[in-house]
N, C-alpha and C. Protein backbone atom coordinates (compact mmCIF):
# COMPACT_ATOMS: atom_id res chain seq x y z
N MET A 1 77.21 13.64 -9.44
CA MET A 1 75.88 13.17 -9.01
C MET A 1 74.83 13.70 -9.96
N THR A 2 73.88 12.84 -10.33
CA THR A 2 72.81 13.22 -11.23
C THR A 2 71.53 13.42 -10.45
N THR A 3 70.88 14.53 -10.69
CA THR A 3 69.61 14.82 -10.02
C THR A 3 68.48 14.55 -10.98
N LEU A 4 67.55 13.71 -10.59
CA LEU A 4 66.39 13.38 -11.41
C LEU A 4 65.26 14.31 -11.03
N VAL A 5 64.79 15.08 -11.99
CA VAL A 5 63.69 16.00 -11.76
C VAL A 5 62.43 15.40 -12.35
N THR A 6 61.44 15.19 -11.52
CA THR A 6 60.19 14.59 -11.97
C THR A 6 59.04 15.52 -11.65
N SER A 7 58.21 15.74 -12.63
CA SER A 7 57.08 16.65 -12.42
C SER A 7 56.07 16.05 -11.48
N PRO A 8 55.33 16.88 -10.72
CA PRO A 8 54.26 16.35 -9.86
C PRO A 8 53.22 15.58 -10.65
N GLU A 9 52.94 16.01 -11.88
CA GLU A 9 51.95 15.32 -12.70
C GLU A 9 52.41 13.89 -13.00
N HIS A 10 53.72 13.73 -13.29
CA HIS A 10 54.23 12.40 -13.58
C HIS A 10 54.15 11.51 -12.35
N LEU A 11 54.51 12.06 -11.19
CA LEU A 11 54.45 11.29 -9.96
C LEU A 11 53.02 10.82 -9.67
N THR A 12 52.06 11.69 -9.93
CA THR A 12 50.67 11.33 -9.71
C THR A 12 50.25 10.18 -10.63
N THR A 13 50.68 10.27 -11.90
CA THR A 13 50.33 9.23 -12.86
C THR A 13 50.93 7.89 -12.46
N VAL A 14 52.21 7.89 -12.09
CA VAL A 14 52.87 6.65 -11.72
C VAL A 14 52.23 6.05 -10.47
N ALA A 15 51.97 6.90 -9.47
CA ALA A 15 51.38 6.41 -8.23
C ALA A 15 50.00 5.81 -8.49
N ALA A 16 49.22 6.48 -9.32
CA ALA A 16 47.88 5.97 -9.63
C ALA A 16 47.97 4.64 -10.35
N ASP A 17 48.89 4.55 -11.33
CA ASP A 17 49.00 3.32 -12.10
C ASP A 17 49.46 2.16 -11.23
N GLU A 18 50.41 2.40 -10.34
CA GLU A 18 50.94 1.32 -9.50
C GLU A 18 49.92 0.82 -8.50
N SER A 19 48.94 1.64 -8.17
CA SER A 19 47.93 1.21 -7.21
C SER A 19 46.75 0.51 -7.88
N LEU A 20 46.62 0.66 -9.19
CA LEU A 20 45.43 0.15 -9.87
C LEU A 20 45.42 -1.36 -10.02
N GLN A 21 46.52 -1.94 -10.46
CA GLN A 21 46.50 -3.38 -10.70
C GLN A 21 46.29 -4.17 -9.41
N PRO A 22 46.95 -3.81 -8.29
CA PRO A 22 46.63 -4.53 -7.05
C PRO A 22 45.16 -4.40 -6.65
N ALA A 23 44.57 -3.24 -6.86
CA ALA A 23 43.16 -3.06 -6.53
C ALA A 23 42.28 -3.94 -7.41
N ILE A 24 42.60 -4.01 -8.69
CA ILE A 24 41.85 -4.87 -9.60
C ILE A 24 42.03 -6.33 -9.23
N ASN A 25 43.26 -6.72 -8.90
CA ASN A 25 43.51 -8.11 -8.51
C ASN A 25 42.70 -8.49 -7.28
N GLN A 26 42.56 -7.57 -6.34
CA GLN A 26 41.78 -7.85 -5.14
C GLN A 26 40.31 -8.07 -5.48
N ILE A 27 39.77 -7.23 -6.37
CA ILE A 27 38.38 -7.40 -6.80
C ILE A 27 38.19 -8.77 -7.44
N ILE A 28 39.12 -9.14 -8.31
CA ILE A 28 39.02 -10.43 -9.00
C ILE A 28 39.07 -11.58 -8.00
N GLU A 29 40.00 -11.52 -7.06
CA GLU A 29 40.12 -12.61 -6.08
C GLU A 29 38.85 -12.73 -5.25
N GLU A 30 38.24 -11.60 -4.90
CA GLU A 30 36.99 -11.64 -4.14
C GLU A 30 35.89 -12.31 -4.95
N MET A 31 35.81 -11.98 -6.23
CA MET A 31 34.78 -12.56 -7.08
C MET A 31 34.97 -14.06 -7.28
N ILE A 32 36.22 -14.47 -7.51
CA ILE A 32 36.49 -15.89 -7.71
C ILE A 32 36.22 -16.67 -6.43
N ALA A 33 36.60 -16.12 -5.29
CA ALA A 33 36.38 -16.80 -4.02
C ALA A 33 34.91 -16.98 -3.71
N ALA A 34 34.07 -16.08 -4.24
CA ALA A 34 32.64 -16.11 -3.95
C ALA A 34 31.84 -16.99 -4.90
N LEU A 35 32.48 -17.57 -5.92
CA LEU A 35 31.74 -18.40 -6.88
C LEU A 35 31.11 -19.59 -6.16
N PRO A 36 29.89 -19.95 -6.53
CA PRO A 36 29.25 -21.10 -5.89
C PRO A 36 29.99 -22.40 -6.21
N ASP A 37 30.02 -23.29 -5.25
CA ASP A 37 30.64 -24.59 -5.43
C ASP A 37 29.90 -25.34 -6.54
N PRO A 38 30.61 -25.76 -7.58
CA PRO A 38 29.93 -26.49 -8.66
C PRO A 38 29.17 -27.72 -8.17
N LYS A 39 29.64 -28.33 -7.09
CA LYS A 39 28.97 -29.52 -6.57
C LYS A 39 27.55 -29.21 -6.08
N THR A 40 27.29 -27.94 -5.75
CA THR A 40 25.98 -27.57 -5.23
C THR A 40 25.01 -27.14 -6.33
N LEU A 41 25.49 -27.07 -7.58
CA LEU A 41 24.68 -26.54 -8.67
C LEU A 41 23.93 -27.66 -9.39
N SER A 42 22.71 -27.37 -9.76
CA SER A 42 21.94 -28.29 -10.59
C SER A 42 22.46 -28.22 -12.03
N ALA A 43 22.05 -29.19 -12.84
CA ALA A 43 22.44 -29.18 -14.25
C ALA A 43 21.93 -27.93 -14.94
N GLU A 44 20.73 -27.48 -14.59
CA GLU A 44 20.18 -26.27 -15.21
C GLU A 44 20.94 -25.03 -14.78
N ALA A 45 21.38 -24.99 -13.53
CA ALA A 45 22.17 -23.85 -13.08
C ALA A 45 23.51 -23.80 -13.80
N ARG A 46 24.14 -24.96 -13.97
CA ARG A 46 25.41 -25.00 -14.72
C ARG A 46 25.18 -24.55 -16.15
N ARG A 47 24.14 -25.08 -16.77
CA ARG A 47 23.83 -24.70 -18.14
C ARG A 47 23.60 -23.20 -18.23
N GLY A 48 22.89 -22.64 -17.28
CA GLY A 48 22.56 -21.21 -17.32
C GLY A 48 23.79 -20.33 -17.25
N ILE A 49 24.73 -20.68 -16.38
CA ILE A 49 25.96 -19.88 -16.26
C ILE A 49 26.73 -19.90 -17.58
N ILE A 50 26.92 -21.10 -18.14
CA ILE A 50 27.64 -21.21 -19.41
C ILE A 50 26.91 -20.45 -20.51
N ALA A 51 25.59 -20.57 -20.56
CA ALA A 51 24.81 -19.93 -21.62
C ALA A 51 24.83 -18.42 -21.50
N ARG A 52 24.67 -17.90 -20.29
CA ARG A 52 24.68 -16.45 -20.12
C ARG A 52 26.06 -15.87 -20.43
N TYR A 53 27.09 -16.56 -19.96
CA TYR A 53 28.45 -16.14 -20.30
C TYR A 53 28.64 -16.10 -21.82
N SER A 54 28.19 -17.13 -22.48
CA SER A 54 28.38 -17.23 -23.93
C SER A 54 27.56 -16.19 -24.67
N SER A 55 26.36 -15.91 -24.20
CA SER A 55 25.53 -14.91 -24.88
C SER A 55 26.15 -13.52 -24.79
N VAL A 56 26.89 -13.27 -23.72
CA VAL A 56 27.57 -11.99 -23.57
C VAL A 56 28.84 -11.94 -24.39
N LEU A 57 29.68 -12.97 -24.27
CA LEU A 57 31.02 -12.91 -24.86
C LEU A 57 31.03 -13.09 -26.37
N GLU A 58 30.21 -13.99 -26.89
CA GLU A 58 30.32 -14.34 -28.31
C GLU A 58 30.15 -13.12 -29.21
N GLY A 59 29.21 -12.27 -28.89
CA GLY A 59 28.93 -11.16 -29.79
C GLY A 59 29.38 -9.80 -29.30
N ASN A 60 30.11 -9.75 -28.16
CA ASN A 60 30.41 -8.44 -27.59
C ASN A 60 31.88 -8.16 -27.33
N PHE A 61 32.69 -9.19 -27.10
CA PHE A 61 34.07 -8.91 -26.71
C PHE A 61 34.82 -8.11 -27.77
N ILE A 62 34.69 -8.49 -29.03
CA ILE A 62 35.41 -7.77 -30.09
C ILE A 62 34.94 -6.31 -30.15
N TYR A 63 33.64 -6.09 -29.95
CA TYR A 63 33.12 -4.72 -29.90
C TYR A 63 33.74 -3.95 -28.73
N TRP A 64 33.80 -4.58 -27.58
CA TRP A 64 34.38 -3.91 -26.41
C TRP A 64 35.82 -3.50 -26.66
N MET A 65 36.61 -4.43 -27.19
CA MET A 65 38.02 -4.14 -27.41
C MET A 65 38.20 -3.12 -28.54
N THR A 66 37.35 -3.18 -29.55
CA THR A 66 37.42 -2.19 -30.64
C THR A 66 37.08 -0.80 -30.13
N ALA A 67 36.06 -0.69 -29.28
CA ALA A 67 35.71 0.61 -28.70
C ALA A 67 36.88 1.16 -27.89
N THR A 68 37.56 0.29 -27.16
CA THR A 68 38.72 0.73 -26.37
C THR A 68 39.84 1.20 -27.27
N LEU A 69 40.07 0.50 -28.37
CA LEU A 69 41.09 0.91 -29.33
C LEU A 69 40.77 2.28 -29.92
N ILE A 70 39.53 2.48 -30.32
CA ILE A 70 39.12 3.76 -30.90
C ILE A 70 39.34 4.90 -29.91
N ALA A 71 39.08 4.63 -28.63
CA ALA A 71 39.21 5.68 -27.62
C ALA A 71 40.66 6.03 -27.30
N THR A 72 41.56 5.07 -27.48
CA THR A 72 42.94 5.23 -27.03
C THR A 72 43.72 6.20 -27.91
N GLN A 73 44.49 7.08 -27.27
CA GLN A 73 45.30 8.07 -27.99
C GLN A 73 46.78 7.72 -28.00
N SER A 74 47.24 6.97 -27.03
CA SER A 74 48.66 6.65 -26.92
C SER A 74 49.11 5.76 -28.07
N GLU A 75 50.15 6.18 -28.76
CA GLU A 75 50.69 5.37 -29.86
C GLU A 75 51.38 4.12 -29.35
N ASP A 76 51.80 4.12 -28.09
CA ASP A 76 52.39 2.92 -27.51
C ASP A 76 51.32 1.90 -27.13
N ALA A 77 50.12 2.38 -26.82
CA ALA A 77 49.05 1.49 -26.38
C ALA A 77 48.34 0.82 -27.55
N LYS A 78 48.20 1.52 -28.66
CA LYS A 78 47.41 1.00 -29.78
C LYS A 78 47.88 -0.37 -30.29
N PRO A 79 49.20 -0.59 -30.46
CA PRO A 79 49.62 -1.91 -30.96
C PRO A 79 49.25 -3.06 -30.01
N ILE A 80 49.18 -2.79 -28.73
CA ILE A 80 48.81 -3.82 -27.77
C ILE A 80 47.36 -4.24 -27.99
N LEU A 81 46.50 -3.27 -28.20
CA LEU A 81 45.09 -3.56 -28.44
C LEU A 81 44.89 -4.22 -29.79
N LEU A 82 45.62 -3.76 -30.79
CA LEU A 82 45.51 -4.35 -32.12
C LEU A 82 45.95 -5.82 -32.12
N GLU A 83 46.99 -6.14 -31.38
CA GLU A 83 47.45 -7.53 -31.30
C GLU A 83 46.40 -8.41 -30.64
N ASN A 84 45.75 -7.88 -29.61
CA ASN A 84 44.67 -8.61 -28.95
C ASN A 84 43.54 -8.91 -29.94
N LEU A 85 43.14 -7.89 -30.69
CA LEU A 85 42.07 -8.06 -31.67
C LEU A 85 42.50 -8.99 -32.80
N HIS A 86 43.74 -8.87 -33.24
CA HIS A 86 44.25 -9.72 -34.31
C HIS A 86 44.16 -11.19 -33.90
N GLU A 87 44.57 -11.49 -32.68
CA GLU A 87 44.52 -12.85 -32.18
C GLU A 87 43.08 -13.34 -32.07
N GLU A 88 42.20 -12.47 -31.61
CA GLU A 88 40.79 -12.82 -31.44
C GLU A 88 40.16 -13.22 -32.78
N VAL A 89 40.50 -12.47 -33.83
CA VAL A 89 39.93 -12.72 -35.15
C VAL A 89 40.66 -13.85 -35.86
N ARG A 90 41.98 -13.80 -35.85
CA ARG A 90 42.78 -14.81 -36.56
C ARG A 90 42.48 -16.23 -36.09
N ASP A 91 42.36 -16.39 -34.77
CA ASP A 91 42.13 -17.72 -34.20
C ASP A 91 40.65 -18.00 -33.97
N SER A 92 39.80 -17.09 -34.38
CA SER A 92 38.35 -17.23 -34.30
C SER A 92 37.89 -17.66 -32.90
N HIS A 93 38.19 -16.82 -31.94
CA HIS A 93 37.78 -17.12 -30.57
C HIS A 93 36.26 -17.24 -30.41
N PRO A 94 35.45 -16.47 -31.14
CA PRO A 94 34.00 -16.71 -31.05
C PRO A 94 33.61 -18.12 -31.49
N HIS A 95 34.32 -18.65 -32.50
CA HIS A 95 34.04 -20.03 -32.93
C HIS A 95 34.43 -21.03 -31.85
N MET A 96 35.57 -20.78 -31.20
CA MET A 96 35.97 -21.64 -30.07
C MET A 96 34.88 -21.65 -29.00
N LEU A 97 34.35 -20.47 -28.71
CA LEU A 97 33.32 -20.36 -27.68
C LEU A 97 32.06 -21.11 -28.11
N ARG A 98 31.71 -20.98 -29.37
CA ARG A 98 30.50 -21.67 -29.86
C ARG A 98 30.66 -23.19 -29.71
N LYS A 99 31.81 -23.72 -30.08
CA LYS A 99 32.05 -25.15 -29.91
C LYS A 99 31.96 -25.55 -28.44
N PHE A 100 32.47 -24.67 -27.58
CA PHE A 100 32.48 -24.95 -26.15
C PHE A 100 31.07 -25.06 -25.60
N TYR A 101 30.23 -24.04 -25.87
CA TYR A 101 28.90 -24.10 -25.24
C TYR A 101 27.99 -25.13 -25.90
N MET A 102 28.20 -25.41 -27.18
CA MET A 102 27.39 -26.46 -27.81
C MET A 102 27.71 -27.83 -27.23
N ALA A 103 29.00 -28.10 -27.00
CA ALA A 103 29.40 -29.39 -26.44
C ALA A 103 28.91 -29.55 -25.00
N ALA A 104 28.71 -28.43 -24.31
CA ALA A 104 28.21 -28.47 -22.94
C ALA A 104 26.68 -28.42 -22.88
N HIS A 105 26.03 -28.50 -24.02
CA HIS A 105 24.56 -28.47 -24.10
C HIS A 105 24.02 -27.20 -23.44
N ALA A 106 24.66 -26.07 -23.78
CA ALA A 106 24.32 -24.80 -23.14
C ALA A 106 24.13 -23.70 -24.18
N VAL A 107 23.48 -24.01 -25.28
CA VAL A 107 23.20 -22.99 -26.29
C VAL A 107 22.32 -21.91 -25.66
N PRO A 108 22.72 -20.65 -25.74
CA PRO A 108 21.94 -19.59 -25.09
C PRO A 108 20.53 -19.48 -25.67
N THR A 109 19.58 -19.28 -24.80
CA THR A 109 18.19 -19.06 -25.20
C THR A 109 17.87 -17.57 -25.10
N ALA A 110 16.67 -17.21 -25.56
CA ALA A 110 16.23 -15.83 -25.42
C ALA A 110 16.18 -15.43 -23.94
N GLU A 111 15.77 -16.36 -23.09
CA GLU A 111 15.71 -16.07 -21.66
C GLU A 111 17.10 -15.81 -21.08
N ASP A 112 18.09 -16.56 -21.55
CA ASP A 112 19.47 -16.33 -21.08
C ASP A 112 19.95 -14.94 -21.47
N ALA A 113 19.68 -14.54 -22.70
CA ALA A 113 20.10 -13.22 -23.16
C ALA A 113 19.38 -12.11 -22.41
N LEU A 114 18.09 -12.28 -22.19
CA LEU A 114 17.31 -11.25 -21.49
C LEU A 114 17.73 -11.12 -20.03
N ALA A 115 18.21 -12.20 -19.44
CA ALA A 115 18.60 -12.16 -18.03
C ALA A 115 19.76 -11.20 -17.77
N VAL A 116 20.60 -10.98 -18.79
CA VAL A 116 21.77 -10.10 -18.61
C VAL A 116 21.68 -8.85 -19.48
N ASP A 117 20.53 -8.64 -20.10
CA ASP A 117 20.42 -7.57 -21.10
C ASP A 117 20.69 -6.18 -20.53
N GLU A 118 20.13 -5.87 -19.38
CA GLU A 118 20.29 -4.52 -18.83
C GLU A 118 21.75 -4.23 -18.46
N ASP A 119 22.38 -5.18 -17.77
CA ASP A 119 23.78 -4.99 -17.40
C ASP A 119 24.68 -4.93 -18.63
N LEU A 120 24.39 -5.75 -19.63
CA LEU A 120 25.17 -5.73 -20.85
C LEU A 120 25.03 -4.40 -21.57
N MET A 121 23.82 -3.88 -21.63
CA MET A 121 23.61 -2.59 -22.29
C MET A 121 24.37 -1.48 -21.56
N ASN A 122 24.41 -1.55 -20.24
CA ASN A 122 25.15 -0.55 -19.47
C ASN A 122 26.63 -0.54 -19.86
N VAL A 123 27.21 -1.74 -20.01
CA VAL A 123 28.62 -1.84 -20.39
C VAL A 123 28.83 -1.34 -21.81
N ARG A 124 27.95 -1.71 -22.72
CA ARG A 124 28.08 -1.24 -24.10
C ARG A 124 28.05 0.28 -24.18
N LEU A 125 27.09 0.88 -23.51
CA LEU A 125 26.94 2.33 -23.57
C LEU A 125 28.11 3.02 -22.88
N PHE A 126 28.60 2.44 -21.81
CA PHE A 126 29.75 3.01 -21.13
C PHE A 126 30.97 3.04 -22.04
N LEU A 127 31.29 1.91 -22.67
CA LEU A 127 32.44 1.87 -23.56
C LEU A 127 32.24 2.76 -24.78
N GLY A 128 30.99 2.98 -25.14
CA GLY A 128 30.68 3.88 -26.24
C GLY A 128 30.98 5.34 -25.94
N ARG A 129 31.21 5.67 -24.69
CA ARG A 129 31.61 7.05 -24.35
C ARG A 129 33.04 7.34 -24.81
N LEU A 130 33.81 6.27 -25.07
CA LEU A 130 35.18 6.40 -25.57
C LEU A 130 36.08 7.15 -24.59
N SER A 131 35.97 6.79 -23.32
CA SER A 131 36.86 7.31 -22.29
C SER A 131 38.02 6.33 -22.15
N ALA A 132 39.17 6.69 -22.70
CA ALA A 132 40.25 5.72 -22.90
C ALA A 132 40.75 5.10 -21.60
N VAL A 133 41.09 5.91 -20.62
CA VAL A 133 41.66 5.38 -19.38
C VAL A 133 40.66 4.47 -18.67
N GLN A 134 39.41 4.90 -18.58
CA GLN A 134 38.38 4.07 -17.95
C GLN A 134 38.18 2.76 -18.73
N SER A 135 38.18 2.85 -20.06
CA SER A 135 37.97 1.66 -20.87
C SER A 135 39.11 0.68 -20.74
N LEU A 136 40.35 1.18 -20.75
CA LEU A 136 41.51 0.29 -20.62
C LEU A 136 41.52 -0.41 -19.27
N LEU A 137 41.17 0.30 -18.21
CA LEU A 137 41.12 -0.34 -16.89
C LEU A 137 40.01 -1.40 -16.86
N THR A 138 38.88 -1.08 -17.47
CA THR A 138 37.76 -2.03 -17.52
C THR A 138 38.15 -3.30 -18.25
N MET A 139 38.82 -3.16 -19.38
CA MET A 139 39.22 -4.34 -20.15
C MET A 139 40.36 -5.10 -19.47
N GLY A 140 41.24 -4.38 -18.77
CA GLY A 140 42.27 -5.07 -17.99
C GLY A 140 41.65 -5.91 -16.89
N PHE A 141 40.64 -5.36 -16.23
CA PHE A 141 39.89 -6.10 -15.22
C PHE A 141 39.23 -7.33 -15.85
N PHE A 142 38.62 -7.14 -17.00
CA PHE A 142 37.91 -8.25 -17.64
C PHE A 142 38.86 -9.39 -18.00
N GLU A 143 39.98 -9.06 -18.64
CA GLU A 143 40.93 -10.11 -19.04
C GLU A 143 41.48 -10.82 -17.82
N GLY A 144 41.77 -10.07 -16.75
CA GLY A 144 42.26 -10.69 -15.54
C GLY A 144 41.25 -11.63 -14.91
N TYR A 145 39.99 -11.21 -14.91
CA TYR A 145 38.93 -12.06 -14.34
C TYR A 145 38.74 -13.32 -15.17
N ILE A 146 38.69 -13.17 -16.49
CA ILE A 146 38.43 -14.32 -17.35
C ILE A 146 39.52 -15.38 -17.19
N GLN A 147 40.78 -14.94 -17.08
CA GLN A 147 41.87 -15.89 -16.92
C GLN A 147 41.66 -16.72 -15.66
N LYS A 148 41.21 -16.09 -14.59
CA LYS A 148 40.97 -16.80 -13.32
C LYS A 148 39.67 -17.61 -13.36
N PHE A 149 38.72 -17.19 -14.19
CA PHE A 149 37.40 -17.83 -14.25
C PHE A 149 37.40 -19.09 -15.11
N MET A 150 38.38 -19.22 -16.00
CA MET A 150 38.37 -20.33 -16.96
C MET A 150 38.34 -21.71 -16.31
N PRO A 151 39.13 -21.99 -15.26
CA PRO A 151 39.03 -23.33 -14.66
C PRO A 151 37.63 -23.64 -14.12
N TYR A 152 36.98 -22.63 -13.58
CA TYR A 152 35.62 -22.81 -13.07
C TYR A 152 34.65 -23.10 -14.21
N LEU A 153 34.77 -22.34 -15.29
CA LEU A 153 33.90 -22.55 -16.45
C LEU A 153 34.13 -23.93 -17.05
N ALA A 154 35.39 -24.35 -17.11
CA ALA A 154 35.70 -25.69 -17.62
C ALA A 154 35.10 -26.77 -16.74
N LYS A 155 35.13 -26.57 -15.43
CA LYS A 155 34.55 -27.55 -14.51
C LYS A 155 33.05 -27.66 -14.74
N LEU A 156 32.37 -26.53 -14.93
CA LEU A 156 30.93 -26.57 -15.21
C LEU A 156 30.65 -27.37 -16.48
N ALA A 157 31.45 -27.13 -17.51
CA ALA A 157 31.25 -27.84 -18.77
C ALA A 157 31.52 -29.33 -18.62
N ALA A 158 32.57 -29.67 -17.89
CA ALA A 158 32.88 -31.08 -17.68
C ALA A 158 31.75 -31.78 -16.93
N ASP A 159 31.18 -31.08 -15.95
CA ASP A 159 30.06 -31.66 -15.21
C ASP A 159 28.81 -31.80 -16.08
N GLN A 160 28.79 -31.07 -17.19
CA GLN A 160 27.71 -31.21 -18.17
C GLN A 160 27.99 -32.33 -19.17
N GLY A 161 29.12 -32.99 -19.02
CA GLY A 161 29.47 -34.10 -19.90
C GLY A 161 30.35 -33.72 -21.07
N SER A 162 30.88 -32.49 -21.09
CA SER A 162 31.67 -32.04 -22.23
C SER A 162 33.14 -32.37 -22.07
N THR A 163 33.80 -32.62 -23.20
CA THR A 163 35.26 -32.77 -23.24
C THR A 163 35.89 -31.72 -24.16
N GLU A 164 35.08 -30.78 -24.66
CA GLU A 164 35.55 -29.74 -25.59
C GLU A 164 36.05 -28.54 -24.78
N MET A 165 37.36 -28.47 -24.57
CA MET A 165 37.92 -27.46 -23.68
C MET A 165 38.92 -26.53 -24.36
N GLU A 166 38.91 -26.47 -25.69
CA GLU A 166 39.87 -25.58 -26.36
C GLU A 166 39.69 -24.14 -25.89
N TYR A 167 38.46 -23.68 -25.80
CA TYR A 167 38.21 -22.28 -25.41
C TYR A 167 38.79 -21.97 -24.03
N THR A 168 38.48 -22.80 -23.05
CA THR A 168 38.95 -22.53 -21.70
C THR A 168 40.46 -22.74 -21.58
N ASP A 169 41.00 -23.72 -22.29
CA ASP A 169 42.46 -23.94 -22.25
C ASP A 169 43.20 -22.74 -22.83
N VAL A 170 42.75 -22.25 -23.97
CA VAL A 170 43.42 -21.13 -24.63
C VAL A 170 43.33 -19.87 -23.78
N HIS A 171 42.15 -19.56 -23.26
CA HIS A 171 41.97 -18.31 -22.53
C HIS A 171 42.56 -18.36 -21.13
N GLY A 172 42.72 -19.55 -20.60
CA GLY A 172 43.40 -19.66 -19.32
C GLY A 172 44.87 -19.31 -19.41
N VAL A 173 45.43 -19.36 -20.63
CA VAL A 173 46.84 -19.04 -20.85
C VAL A 173 47.01 -17.66 -21.47
N CYS A 174 46.32 -17.41 -22.59
CA CYS A 174 46.58 -16.18 -23.35
C CYS A 174 46.15 -14.93 -22.59
N ASP A 175 45.16 -15.05 -21.71
CA ASP A 175 44.67 -13.87 -21.02
C ASP A 175 45.63 -13.37 -19.95
N ILE A 176 46.62 -14.19 -19.57
CA ILE A 176 47.66 -13.69 -18.67
C ILE A 176 48.45 -12.59 -19.38
N ALA A 177 48.88 -12.88 -20.61
CA ALA A 177 49.62 -11.88 -21.39
C ALA A 177 48.74 -10.71 -21.77
N HIS A 178 47.46 -10.99 -22.08
CA HIS A 178 46.54 -9.91 -22.44
C HIS A 178 46.35 -8.94 -21.28
N THR A 179 46.23 -9.47 -20.07
CA THR A 179 46.06 -8.61 -18.90
C THR A 179 47.28 -7.73 -18.70
N ALA A 180 48.46 -8.33 -18.76
CA ALA A 180 49.69 -7.55 -18.59
C ALA A 180 49.80 -6.47 -19.66
N GLY A 181 49.45 -6.82 -20.89
CA GLY A 181 49.51 -5.85 -21.97
C GLY A 181 48.55 -4.69 -21.77
N LEU A 182 47.36 -4.98 -21.29
CA LEU A 182 46.38 -3.92 -21.08
C LEU A 182 46.80 -2.97 -19.97
N PHE A 183 47.44 -3.46 -18.93
CA PHE A 183 47.92 -2.55 -17.88
C PHE A 183 49.12 -1.75 -18.37
N GLN A 184 49.92 -2.33 -19.26
CA GLN A 184 50.99 -1.56 -19.90
C GLN A 184 50.39 -0.45 -20.76
N ALA A 185 49.34 -0.80 -21.52
CA ALA A 185 48.66 0.20 -22.35
C ALA A 185 48.03 1.29 -21.48
N LEU A 186 47.47 0.90 -20.35
CA LEU A 186 46.87 1.87 -19.44
C LEU A 186 47.90 2.87 -18.95
N ALA A 187 49.08 2.39 -18.55
CA ALA A 187 50.13 3.29 -18.08
C ALA A 187 50.53 4.28 -19.17
N SER A 188 50.64 3.79 -20.40
CA SER A 188 51.00 4.66 -21.53
C SER A 188 49.92 5.70 -21.77
N GLU A 189 48.66 5.28 -21.70
CA GLU A 189 47.56 6.21 -21.96
C GLU A 189 47.45 7.26 -20.85
N MET A 190 47.65 6.85 -19.61
CA MET A 190 47.56 7.80 -18.51
C MET A 190 48.62 8.89 -18.61
N ALA A 191 49.75 8.56 -19.22
CA ALA A 191 50.83 9.53 -19.36
C ALA A 191 50.52 10.61 -20.38
N VAL A 192 49.72 10.29 -21.41
CA VAL A 192 49.46 11.26 -22.47
C VAL A 192 48.02 11.76 -22.48
N ASN A 193 47.12 11.02 -21.85
CA ASN A 193 45.70 11.35 -21.92
C ASN A 193 45.03 11.01 -20.58
N PRO A 194 45.43 11.71 -19.51
CA PRO A 194 44.92 11.36 -18.18
C PRO A 194 43.41 11.58 -18.07
N LEU A 195 42.81 10.86 -17.17
CA LEU A 195 41.38 11.00 -16.92
C LEU A 195 41.10 12.36 -16.31
N GLY A 196 40.01 12.98 -16.76
CA GLY A 196 39.65 14.30 -16.27
C GLY A 196 39.26 14.29 -14.80
N PRO A 197 39.33 15.43 -14.15
CA PRO A 197 38.98 15.52 -12.72
C PRO A 197 37.51 15.19 -12.49
N GLY A 198 37.25 14.57 -11.35
CA GLY A 198 35.87 14.27 -10.98
C GLY A 198 35.32 13.00 -11.57
N LYS A 199 36.11 12.30 -12.41
CA LYS A 199 35.63 11.05 -13.02
C LYS A 199 36.14 9.86 -12.22
N ASP A 200 35.30 8.84 -12.07
CA ASP A 200 35.65 7.64 -11.34
C ASP A 200 36.34 6.67 -12.29
N ILE A 201 37.61 6.41 -12.08
CA ILE A 201 38.34 5.53 -12.97
C ILE A 201 37.80 4.11 -12.93
N PHE A 202 37.10 3.74 -11.84
CA PHE A 202 36.56 2.41 -11.69
C PHE A 202 35.11 2.30 -12.16
N GLU A 203 34.56 3.32 -12.79
CA GLU A 203 33.15 3.30 -13.18
C GLU A 203 32.83 2.09 -14.07
N GLY A 204 33.62 1.87 -15.10
CA GLY A 204 33.37 0.74 -15.99
C GLY A 204 33.61 -0.60 -15.31
N VAL A 205 34.59 -0.64 -14.42
CA VAL A 205 34.86 -1.87 -13.67
C VAL A 205 33.63 -2.28 -12.87
N HIS A 206 33.01 -1.31 -12.20
CA HIS A 206 31.82 -1.61 -11.41
C HIS A 206 30.68 -2.13 -12.29
N MET A 207 30.50 -1.53 -13.47
CA MET A 207 29.45 -1.98 -14.38
C MET A 207 29.71 -3.39 -14.89
N LEU A 208 30.96 -3.64 -15.26
CA LEU A 208 31.30 -4.96 -15.78
C LEU A 208 31.23 -6.02 -14.68
N ARG A 209 31.61 -5.64 -13.47
CA ARG A 209 31.48 -6.59 -12.36
C ARG A 209 30.02 -6.98 -12.15
N ALA A 210 29.13 -6.00 -12.22
CA ALA A 210 27.70 -6.31 -12.06
C ALA A 210 27.24 -7.30 -13.13
N LEU A 211 27.71 -7.11 -14.36
CA LEU A 211 27.34 -8.03 -15.44
C LEU A 211 27.89 -9.43 -15.19
N LEU A 212 29.16 -9.52 -14.81
CA LEU A 212 29.78 -10.82 -14.59
C LEU A 212 29.12 -11.56 -13.42
N GLU A 213 28.75 -10.82 -12.40
CA GLU A 213 28.08 -11.46 -11.26
C GLU A 213 26.67 -11.90 -11.63
N HIS A 214 26.01 -11.14 -12.49
CA HIS A 214 24.67 -11.52 -12.93
C HIS A 214 24.73 -12.78 -13.78
N ILE A 215 25.80 -12.94 -14.56
CA ILE A 215 25.98 -14.17 -15.33
C ILE A 215 25.98 -15.38 -14.40
N VAL A 216 26.65 -15.26 -13.28
CA VAL A 216 26.81 -16.40 -12.37
C VAL A 216 25.58 -16.61 -11.50
N TYR A 217 24.99 -15.52 -11.00
CA TYR A 217 24.02 -15.66 -9.92
C TYR A 217 22.57 -15.54 -10.33
N SER A 218 22.27 -15.44 -11.60
CA SER A 218 20.87 -15.31 -12.00
C SER A 218 20.03 -16.49 -11.53
N ASP A 219 20.60 -17.71 -11.62
CA ASP A 219 19.85 -18.87 -11.13
C ASP A 219 20.79 -19.94 -10.60
N ALA A 220 21.83 -19.51 -9.89
CA ALA A 220 22.81 -20.45 -9.38
C ALA A 220 22.25 -21.21 -8.18
N LYS A 221 21.57 -22.29 -8.49
CA LYS A 221 20.95 -23.07 -7.42
C LYS A 221 20.85 -24.53 -7.85
């Protein structure tokens, strides 16, 4: 008979990791369920959601993921983040997004950018702290939310008269693998670089949720 000896620290790490993804999934499902019915939105409200989303994502996602990579210490986690960034740059996802919002007649204005500026700055500064475990959980939450949000975003664009759906089609598929990879990276990072005592592992998730909700609800009417 073989006896498996596991340290209390390892058990704590595994238990924490196994509880995190279900908790994140629940947050995402709540957010998706609460989205306003596109049928109730005016053309300007649809345009505003697409524009605010685009003003945030086009110039910030690569920064967010790069900050997370810089913070990460696990050698098993780094290739996962690098592959995500490689795909983002190689396939020019910002260009896909630009084509998407232009075809939907939703080019972001100064007002669109200012509407989410405070929440966006909070997320930028948070990721700039380079807290690896918190950042990985935040990005795992983001990728999971975006994958679920893509059909809604595509519906808004279609209602704006657009047929340019490469961005939403690609992210509705690739972000499934990205989410799984980020939670794998999180487990690896927690094993070698656990979060310090007294820190809220969901701090960045709460900040990013506020930003994502502000994108949708600034003028959803």
